[in-house]
Amino acid sequence: MGLQILVFLLTFCTMEFMAWFSHKYIMHGFLWVLHEDHHKKDHDSWFERNDAFFIFYAVLSIGCFLLWQKGIFNFGIAVGLGIFAYGLAYFMVHDIFIHQRFKLFRNANNRFSRAVRRAHKMHHKNIGKSQGECFGMLVVPFKYYKK
């Protein structure tokens, strides 16, 4: 059980790197066509083409659950839950807290929440594919903690 918890925590932490990597090199790379509407809203829909990236990680998480259930991958439950938990945290921070897709947590005002908002604002300052910064989500550069 302890090993499963460790794998869950390692998976959750690894997902921050995966979010940074896929955001920088895939979303701002060859799949910019899906991510662009997140930077330049060109439609009236609540949904964005960018939401397709959630589907990839959901399928990966479900795949891990299925492999665990079939007895093929013993750590499938821990990895699947780690991916799911990170996805939930990402959704809460990025879509709800920062972009206010649901009008919740509007007045959160602590050092971490201010730093996350500042870093993401700097990311969106550049609306193009290149020259961006702050591609991660939960790990924020120290400079954004300063007033």
N, C-alpha and C. Protein backbone atom coordinates (compact mmCIF):
# COMPACT_ATOMS: atom_id res chain seq x y z
N MET A 1 0.83 -1.21 0.00
CA MET A 1 0.00 0.00 0.00
C MET A 1 0.86 1.26 0.00
N GLY A 2 1.94 1.24 0.80
CA GLY A 2 2.83 2.39 0.86
C GLY A 2 3.49 2.69 -0.47
N LEU A 3 3.82 1.61 -1.20
CA LEU A 3 4.44 1.78 -2.51
C LEU A 3 3.44 2.38 -3.51
N GLN A 4 2.19 1.98 -3.39
CA GLN A 4 1.14 2.54 -4.26
C GLN A 4 1.00 4.05 -4.02
N ILE A 5 1.05 4.46 -2.76
CA ILE A 5 0.95 5.89 -2.43
C ILE A 5 2.15 6.65 -2.98
N LEU A 6 3.33 6.06 -2.86
CA LEU A 6 4.54 6.69 -3.40
C LEU A 6 4.43 6.84 -4.92
N VAL A 7 3.96 5.81 -5.60
CA VAL A 7 3.79 5.87 -7.06
C VAL A 7 2.75 6.94 -7.42
N PHE A 8 1.66 7.01 -6.66
CA PHE A 8 0.66 8.05 -6.87
C PHE A 8 1.29 9.44 -6.77
N LEU A 9 2.05 9.69 -5.71
CA LEU A 9 2.68 11.00 -5.50
C LEU A 9 3.71 11.32 -6.58
N LEU A 10 4.50 10.32 -6.94
CA LEU A 10 5.48 10.52 -8.02
C LEU A 10 4.80 10.82 -9.35
N THR A 11 3.70 10.13 -9.61
CA THR A 11 2.95 10.38 -10.85
C THR A 11 2.39 11.78 -10.85
N PHE A 12 1.79 12.20 -9.73
CA PHE A 12 1.23 13.55 -9.64
C PHE A 12 2.32 14.58 -9.91
N CYS A 13 3.47 14.43 -9.29
CA CYS A 13 4.58 15.38 -9.48
C CYS A 13 5.12 15.33 -10.91
N THR A 14 5.21 14.15 -11.48
CA THR A 14 5.68 14.00 -12.85
C THR A 14 4.74 14.69 -13.83
N MET A 15 3.47 14.72 -13.50
CA MET A 15 2.49 15.36 -14.38
C MET A 15 2.72 16.85 -14.51
N GLU A 16 3.31 17.50 -13.51
CA GLU A 16 3.64 18.92 -13.66
C GLU A 16 4.68 19.08 -14.77
N PHE A 17 5.69 18.18 -14.78
CA PHE A 17 6.66 18.22 -15.87
C PHE A 17 5.97 17.93 -17.20
N MET A 18 5.09 16.93 -17.23
CA MET A 18 4.39 16.59 -18.47
C MET A 18 3.53 17.75 -18.96
N ALA A 19 2.89 18.46 -18.02
CA ALA A 19 2.08 19.62 -18.40
C ALA A 19 2.98 20.70 -19.02
N TRP A 20 4.12 20.96 -18.36
CA TRP A 20 5.06 21.95 -18.89
C TRP A 20 5.56 21.54 -20.27
N PHE A 21 6.01 20.29 -20.40
CA PHE A 21 6.56 19.79 -21.65
C PHE A 21 5.53 19.84 -22.77
N SER A 22 4.34 19.28 -22.51
CA SER A 22 3.33 19.24 -23.57
C SER A 22 2.83 20.65 -23.92
N HIS A 23 2.78 21.53 -22.92
CA HIS A 23 2.35 22.90 -23.19
C HIS A 23 3.38 23.63 -24.05
N LYS A 24 4.64 23.50 -23.68
CA LYS A 24 5.69 24.22 -24.41
C LYS A 24 5.96 23.64 -25.80
N TYR A 25 6.07 22.32 -25.91
CA TYR A 25 6.53 21.73 -27.16
C TYR A 25 5.43 21.14 -28.04
N ILE A 26 4.27 20.87 -27.46
CA ILE A 26 3.18 20.31 -28.26
C ILE A 26 2.10 21.37 -28.50
N MET A 27 1.59 21.96 -27.41
CA MET A 27 0.53 22.97 -27.57
C MET A 27 1.05 24.22 -28.28
N HIS A 28 2.26 24.63 -27.95
CA HIS A 28 2.87 25.79 -28.63
C HIS A 28 3.76 25.32 -29.76
N GLY A 29 3.60 24.08 -30.16
CA GLY A 29 4.35 23.50 -31.26
C GLY A 29 3.40 23.03 -32.34
N PHE A 30 3.49 21.73 -32.67
CA PHE A 30 2.74 21.21 -33.81
C PHE A 30 1.23 21.13 -33.61
N LEU A 31 0.74 21.24 -32.35
CA LEU A 31 -0.71 21.26 -32.13
C LEU A 31 -1.21 22.65 -31.72
N TRP A 32 -0.49 23.68 -32.14
CA TRP A 32 -0.90 25.06 -31.87
C TRP A 32 -2.31 25.31 -32.40
N VAL A 33 -2.69 24.63 -33.47
CA VAL A 33 -4.02 24.81 -34.06
C VAL A 33 -5.12 24.50 -33.04
N LEU A 34 -4.86 23.59 -32.09
CA LEU A 34 -5.83 23.28 -31.03
C LEU A 34 -5.72 24.24 -29.85
N HIS A 35 -4.54 24.75 -29.60
CA HIS A 35 -4.29 25.57 -28.41
C HIS A 35 -4.51 27.07 -28.67
N GLU A 36 -4.43 27.47 -29.92
CA GLU A 36 -4.47 28.89 -30.27
C GLU A 36 -5.72 29.60 -29.75
N ASP A 37 -6.86 28.94 -29.79
CA ASP A 37 -8.09 29.61 -29.36
C ASP A 37 -8.11 29.87 -27.86
N HIS A 38 -7.20 29.27 -27.13
CA HIS A 38 -7.07 29.56 -25.71
C HIS A 38 -6.38 30.92 -25.50
N HIS A 39 -5.51 31.29 -26.41
CA HIS A 39 -4.81 32.56 -26.34
C HIS A 39 -5.55 33.67 -27.07
N LYS A 40 -6.19 33.33 -28.18
CA LYS A 40 -6.94 34.30 -28.97
C LYS A 40 -8.34 33.74 -29.19
N LYS A 41 -9.27 34.13 -28.35
CA LYS A 41 -10.64 33.61 -28.43
C LYS A 41 -11.26 34.05 -29.75
N ASP A 42 -11.53 33.10 -30.62
CA ASP A 42 -12.08 33.40 -31.94
C ASP A 42 -13.47 32.79 -32.15
N HIS A 43 -14.18 32.56 -31.04
CA HIS A 43 -15.49 31.93 -31.12
C HIS A 43 -16.31 32.36 -29.91
N ASP A 44 -17.60 32.04 -29.93
CA ASP A 44 -18.49 32.39 -28.82
C ASP A 44 -18.79 31.22 -27.90
N SER A 45 -18.25 30.07 -28.19
CA SER A 45 -18.54 28.88 -27.41
C SER A 45 -17.82 28.89 -26.07
N TRP A 46 -18.43 28.27 -25.08
CA TRP A 46 -17.80 28.08 -23.78
C TRP A 46 -16.63 27.12 -23.91
N PHE A 47 -16.77 26.14 -24.81
CA PHE A 47 -15.72 25.16 -25.05
C PHE A 47 -14.66 25.75 -25.97
N GLU A 48 -13.45 25.25 -25.82
CA GLU A 48 -12.34 25.66 -26.66
C GLU A 48 -11.77 24.40 -27.33
N ARG A 49 -11.16 24.56 -28.48
CA ARG A 49 -10.45 23.43 -29.11
C ARG A 49 -9.36 22.93 -28.16
N ASN A 50 -8.83 23.83 -27.36
CA ASN A 50 -7.80 23.51 -26.38
C ASN A 50 -8.25 22.44 -25.39
N ASP A 51 -9.55 22.32 -25.16
CA ASP A 51 -10.08 21.32 -24.22
C ASP A 51 -9.78 19.89 -24.66
N ALA A 52 -9.42 19.71 -25.92
CA ALA A 52 -9.10 18.36 -26.43
C ALA A 52 -7.91 17.75 -25.69
N PHE A 53 -7.03 18.58 -25.15
CA PHE A 53 -5.86 18.05 -24.45
C PHE A 53 -6.25 17.30 -23.18
N PHE A 54 -7.34 17.69 -22.56
CA PHE A 54 -7.82 16.97 -21.37
C PHE A 54 -8.20 15.53 -21.73
N ILE A 55 -8.74 15.37 -22.92
CA ILE A 55 -9.18 14.04 -23.36
C ILE A 55 -8.01 13.07 -23.42
N PHE A 56 -6.86 13.53 -23.92
CA PHE A 56 -5.69 12.66 -24.02
C PHE A 56 -5.30 12.12 -22.66
N TYR A 57 -5.19 12.99 -21.65
CA TYR A 57 -4.78 12.54 -20.33
C TYR A 57 -5.87 11.72 -19.63
N ALA A 58 -7.14 11.99 -19.94
CA ALA A 58 -8.22 11.18 -19.39
C ALA A 58 -8.15 9.76 -19.93
N VAL A 59 -7.91 9.62 -21.22
CA VAL A 59 -7.78 8.29 -21.83
C VAL A 59 -6.57 7.56 -21.25
N LEU A 60 -5.48 8.26 -21.05
CA LEU A 60 -4.29 7.66 -20.44
C LEU A 60 -4.60 7.16 -19.03
N SER A 61 -5.28 7.98 -18.25
CA SER A 61 -5.66 7.61 -16.88
C SER A 61 -6.59 6.39 -16.88
N ILE A 62 -7.61 6.41 -17.72
CA ILE A 62 -8.55 5.29 -17.81
C ILE A 62 -7.83 4.03 -18.27
N GLY A 63 -6.91 4.18 -19.21
CA GLY A 63 -6.12 3.04 -19.66
C GLY A 63 -5.34 2.40 -18.52
N CYS A 64 -4.77 3.22 -17.65
CA CYS A 64 -4.05 2.70 -16.48
C CYS A 64 -5.00 1.94 -15.55
N PHE A 65 -6.19 2.47 -15.33
CA PHE A 65 -7.18 1.78 -14.49
C PHE A 65 -7.53 0.42 -15.08
N LEU A 66 -7.74 0.38 -16.39
CA LEU A 66 -8.10 -0.87 -17.05
C LEU A 66 -6.97 -1.89 -16.99
N LEU A 67 -5.74 -1.44 -17.19
CA LEU A 67 -4.59 -2.34 -17.10
C LEU A 67 -4.46 -2.90 -15.69
N TRP A 68 -4.72 -2.09 -14.68
CA TRP A 68 -4.69 -2.54 -13.29
C TRP A 68 -5.80 -3.57 -13.04
N GLN A 69 -7.00 -3.24 -13.53
CA GLN A 69 -8.15 -4.12 -13.32
C GLN A 69 -7.93 -5.50 -13.96
N LYS A 70 -7.27 -5.53 -15.10
CA LYS A 70 -7.00 -6.79 -15.79
C LYS A 70 -5.77 -7.51 -15.23
N GLY A 71 -5.11 -6.93 -14.22
CA GLY A 71 -3.95 -7.55 -13.61
C GLY A 71 -2.68 -7.44 -14.45
N ILE A 72 -2.67 -6.54 -15.41
CA ILE A 72 -1.52 -6.38 -16.30
C ILE A 72 -0.49 -5.41 -15.73
N PHE A 73 -0.97 -4.38 -15.04
CA PHE A 73 -0.09 -3.33 -14.52
C PHE A 73 -0.45 -3.08 -13.05
N ASN A 74 0.35 -3.62 -12.14
CA ASN A 74 0.04 -3.53 -10.71
C ASN A 74 -0.07 -2.11 -10.18
N PHE A 75 0.69 -1.19 -10.77
CA PHE A 75 0.65 0.20 -10.32
C PHE A 75 -0.32 1.04 -11.14
N GLY A 76 -1.13 0.40 -11.97
CA GLY A 76 -2.07 1.12 -12.82
C GLY A 76 -3.03 1.98 -12.04
N ILE A 77 -3.49 1.51 -10.89
CA ILE A 77 -4.43 2.30 -10.08
C ILE A 77 -3.74 3.55 -9.54
N ALA A 78 -2.50 3.41 -9.09
CA ALA A 78 -1.76 4.54 -8.53
C ALA A 78 -1.41 5.55 -9.62
N VAL A 79 -0.96 5.07 -10.76
CA VAL A 79 -0.61 5.96 -11.88
C VAL A 79 -1.88 6.63 -12.41
N GLY A 80 -2.93 5.85 -12.61
CA GLY A 80 -4.19 6.41 -13.11
C GLY A 80 -4.76 7.47 -12.18
N LEU A 81 -4.72 7.19 -10.87
CA LEU A 81 -5.21 8.18 -9.90
C LEU A 81 -4.30 9.40 -9.84
N GLY A 82 -2.99 9.22 -10.00
CA GLY A 82 -2.07 10.35 -10.02
C GLY A 82 -2.33 11.27 -11.20
N ILE A 83 -2.56 10.68 -12.38
CA ILE A 83 -2.89 11.47 -13.57
C ILE A 83 -4.22 12.17 -13.37
N PHE A 84 -5.21 11.44 -12.85
CA PHE A 84 -6.53 12.04 -12.60
C PHE A 84 -6.45 13.18 -11.60
N ALA A 85 -5.73 12.97 -10.49
CA ALA A 85 -5.63 14.01 -9.45
C ALA A 85 -4.94 15.26 -9.99
N TYR A 86 -3.90 15.07 -10.80
CA TYR A 86 -3.24 16.24 -11.39
C TYR A 86 -4.19 16.95 -12.36
N GLY A 87 -4.91 16.18 -13.16
CA GLY A 87 -5.87 16.78 -14.08
C GLY A 87 -6.93 17.59 -13.35
N LEU A 88 -7.40 17.05 -12.22
CA LEU A 88 -8.39 17.77 -11.42
C LEU A 88 -7.78 19.05 -10.84
N ALA A 89 -6.55 18.96 -10.32
CA ALA A 89 -5.87 20.14 -9.78
C ALA A 89 -5.65 21.18 -10.89
N TYR A 90 -5.24 20.72 -12.05
CA TYR A 90 -5.01 21.62 -13.18
C TYR A 90 -6.31 22.32 -13.56
N PHE A 91 -7.38 21.56 -13.65
CA PHE A 91 -8.69 22.14 -13.99
C PHE A 91 -9.11 23.17 -12.95
N MET A 92 -8.95 22.84 -11.68
CA MET A 92 -9.34 23.77 -10.61
C MET A 92 -8.51 25.05 -10.66
N VAL A 93 -7.21 24.92 -10.84
CA VAL A 93 -6.33 26.09 -10.85
C VAL A 93 -6.46 26.87 -12.16
N HIS A 94 -6.34 26.19 -13.29
CA HIS A 94 -6.31 26.87 -14.57
C HIS A 94 -7.68 27.34 -15.05
N ASP A 95 -8.62 26.43 -15.13
CA ASP A 95 -9.91 26.77 -15.72
C ASP A 95 -10.85 27.49 -14.76
N ILE A 96 -10.84 27.09 -13.51
CA ILE A 96 -11.78 27.71 -12.56
C ILE A 96 -11.15 28.92 -11.88
N PHE A 97 -9.97 28.76 -11.28
CA PHE A 97 -9.36 29.86 -10.52
C PHE A 97 -8.82 30.97 -11.41
N ILE A 98 -8.02 30.62 -12.41
CA ILE A 98 -7.38 31.65 -13.24
C ILE A 98 -8.33 32.21 -14.30
N HIS A 99 -8.90 31.33 -15.12
CA HIS A 99 -9.72 31.80 -16.25
C HIS A 99 -11.19 32.01 -15.90
N GLN A 100 -11.59 31.62 -14.70
CA GLN A 100 -12.95 31.85 -14.22
C GLN A 100 -14.01 31.31 -15.17
N ARG A 101 -13.79 30.09 -15.68
CA ARG A 101 -14.81 29.46 -16.52
C ARG A 101 -16.06 29.16 -15.71
N PHE A 102 -15.88 28.97 -14.43
CA PHE A 102 -16.97 28.95 -13.46
C PHE A 102 -16.61 30.06 -12.47
N LYS A 103 -17.55 30.80 -12.05
CA LYS A 103 -17.27 31.97 -11.21
C LYS A 103 -17.09 31.56 -9.75
N LEU A 104 -15.97 30.91 -9.47
CA LEU A 104 -15.64 30.46 -8.12
C LEU A 104 -14.25 30.96 -7.76
N PHE A 105 -13.94 30.99 -6.51
CA PHE A 105 -12.60 31.35 -6.00
C PHE A 105 -12.10 32.68 -6.55
N ARG A 106 -12.99 33.63 -6.69
CA ARG A 106 -12.61 34.92 -7.26
C ARG A 106 -11.72 35.74 -6.33
N ASN A 107 -11.88 35.56 -5.04
CA ASN A 107 -11.18 36.41 -4.08
C ASN A 107 -10.03 35.73 -3.37
N ALA A 108 -9.58 34.59 -3.87
CA ALA A 108 -8.43 33.92 -3.25
C ALA A 108 -7.24 34.86 -3.34
N ASN A 109 -6.62 35.13 -2.20
CA ASN A 109 -5.58 36.15 -2.18
C ASN A 109 -4.48 35.76 -1.21
N ASN A 110 -3.73 34.72 -1.56
CA ASN A 110 -2.56 34.36 -0.77
C ASN A 110 -1.35 34.40 -1.70
N ARG A 111 -0.17 34.19 -1.18
CA ARG A 111 1.04 34.32 -2.00
C ARG A 111 1.03 33.37 -3.20
N PHE A 112 0.62 32.12 -2.97
CA PHE A 112 0.61 31.15 -4.06
C PHE A 112 -0.40 31.55 -5.14
N SER A 113 -1.60 31.92 -4.76
CA SER A 113 -2.62 32.25 -5.75
C SER A 113 -2.22 33.50 -6.55
N ARG A 114 -1.63 34.48 -5.89
CA ARG A 114 -1.17 35.68 -6.62
C ARG A 114 -0.04 35.31 -7.58
N ALA A 115 0.89 34.45 -7.14
CA ALA A 115 2.01 34.05 -8.00
C ALA A 115 1.52 33.27 -9.21
N VAL A 116 0.58 32.35 -9.00
CA VAL A 116 0.03 31.56 -10.11
C VAL A 116 -0.65 32.48 -11.12
N ARG A 117 -1.43 33.42 -10.63
CA ARG A 117 -2.11 34.35 -11.55
C ARG A 117 -1.11 35.22 -12.31
N ARG A 118 -0.10 35.72 -11.62
CA ARG A 118 0.91 36.55 -12.30
C ARG A 118 1.64 35.76 -13.38
N ALA A 119 2.07 34.56 -13.05
CA ALA A 119 2.80 33.74 -14.02
C ALA A 119 1.93 33.43 -15.23
N HIS A 120 0.68 33.11 -14.99
CA HIS A 120 -0.20 32.77 -16.11
C HIS A 120 -0.51 34.00 -16.95
N LYS A 121 -0.62 35.14 -16.29
CA LYS A 121 -0.84 36.39 -17.02
C LYS A 121 0.35 36.67 -17.94
N MET A 122 1.55 36.40 -17.46
CA MET A 122 2.74 36.58 -18.31
C MET A 122 2.73 35.59 -19.47
N HIS A 123 2.23 34.40 -19.22
CA HIS A 123 2.14 33.43 -20.31
C HIS A 123 1.19 33.93 -21.39
N HIS A 124 0.08 34.50 -21.00
CA HIS A 124 -0.93 34.96 -21.96
C HIS A 124 -0.61 36.34 -22.53
N LYS A 125 0.38 37.01 -21.96
CA LYS A 125 0.77 38.32 -22.49
C LYS A 125 1.18 38.20 -23.95
N ASN A 126 1.84 37.11 -24.29
CA ASN A 126 2.22 36.83 -25.67
C ASN A 126 1.13 35.96 -26.27
N ILE A 127 0.40 36.47 -27.25
CA ILE A 127 -0.72 35.71 -27.80
C ILE A 127 -0.31 34.81 -28.95
N GLY A 128 0.96 34.83 -29.29
CA GLY A 128 1.43 34.01 -30.40
C GLY A 128 1.97 32.67 -29.95
N LYS A 129 2.41 31.90 -30.93
CA LYS A 129 2.92 30.56 -30.72
C LYS A 129 4.31 30.57 -30.06
N SER A 130 5.11 31.56 -30.39
CA SER A 130 6.51 31.62 -29.94
C SER A 130 6.70 32.63 -28.82
N GLN A 131 7.89 32.60 -28.25
CA GLN A 131 8.34 33.59 -27.27
C GLN A 131 7.56 33.57 -25.96
N GLY A 132 6.93 32.48 -25.61
CA GLY A 132 6.15 32.41 -24.37
C GLY A 132 7.02 32.10 -23.17
N GLU A 133 6.43 32.18 -22.01
CA GLU A 133 7.08 31.78 -20.76
C GLU A 133 6.05 31.20 -19.83
N CYS A 134 6.49 30.59 -18.76
CA CYS A 134 5.61 30.01 -17.73
C CYS A 134 4.64 28.98 -18.31
N PHE A 135 5.17 27.86 -18.73
CA PHE A 135 4.36 26.83 -19.35
C PHE A 135 3.81 25.81 -18.35
N GLY A 136 4.30 25.81 -17.13
CA GLY A 136 3.80 24.90 -16.11
C GLY A 136 2.55 25.46 -15.46
N MET A 137 2.13 24.82 -14.38
CA MET A 137 0.93 25.31 -13.72
C MET A 137 1.11 25.43 -12.22
N LEU A 138 1.51 24.39 -11.54
CA LEU A 138 1.55 24.42 -10.08
C LEU A 138 2.92 24.83 -9.53
N VAL A 139 3.97 24.63 -10.32
CA VAL A 139 5.30 25.08 -9.92
C VAL A 139 5.54 26.42 -10.61
N VAL A 140 5.61 27.46 -9.80
CA VAL A 140 5.69 28.83 -10.31
C VAL A 140 7.08 29.38 -10.02
N PRO A 141 7.73 30.02 -11.00
CA PRO A 141 9.04 30.62 -10.74
C PRO A 141 8.97 31.61 -9.56
N PHE A 142 10.05 31.63 -8.77
CA PHE A 142 10.09 32.44 -7.56
C PHE A 142 9.83 33.93 -7.81
N LYS A 143 10.22 34.44 -8.98
CA LYS A 143 10.06 35.86 -9.25
C LYS A 143 8.59 36.31 -9.18
N TYR A 144 7.66 35.39 -9.37
CA TYR A 144 6.24 35.75 -9.33
C TYR A 144 5.67 35.78 -7.92
N TYR A 145 6.46 35.36 -6.94
CA TYR A 145 6.04 35.46 -5.54
C TYR A 145 6.35 36.83 -4.96
N LYS A 146 7.22 37.58 -5.63
CA LYS A 146 7.58 38.91 -5.16
C LYS A 146 6.48 39.89 -5.50
N LYS A 147 6.37 40.91 -4.68
CA LYS A 147 5.32 41.92 -4.95
C LYS A 147 5.69 42.81 -6.09
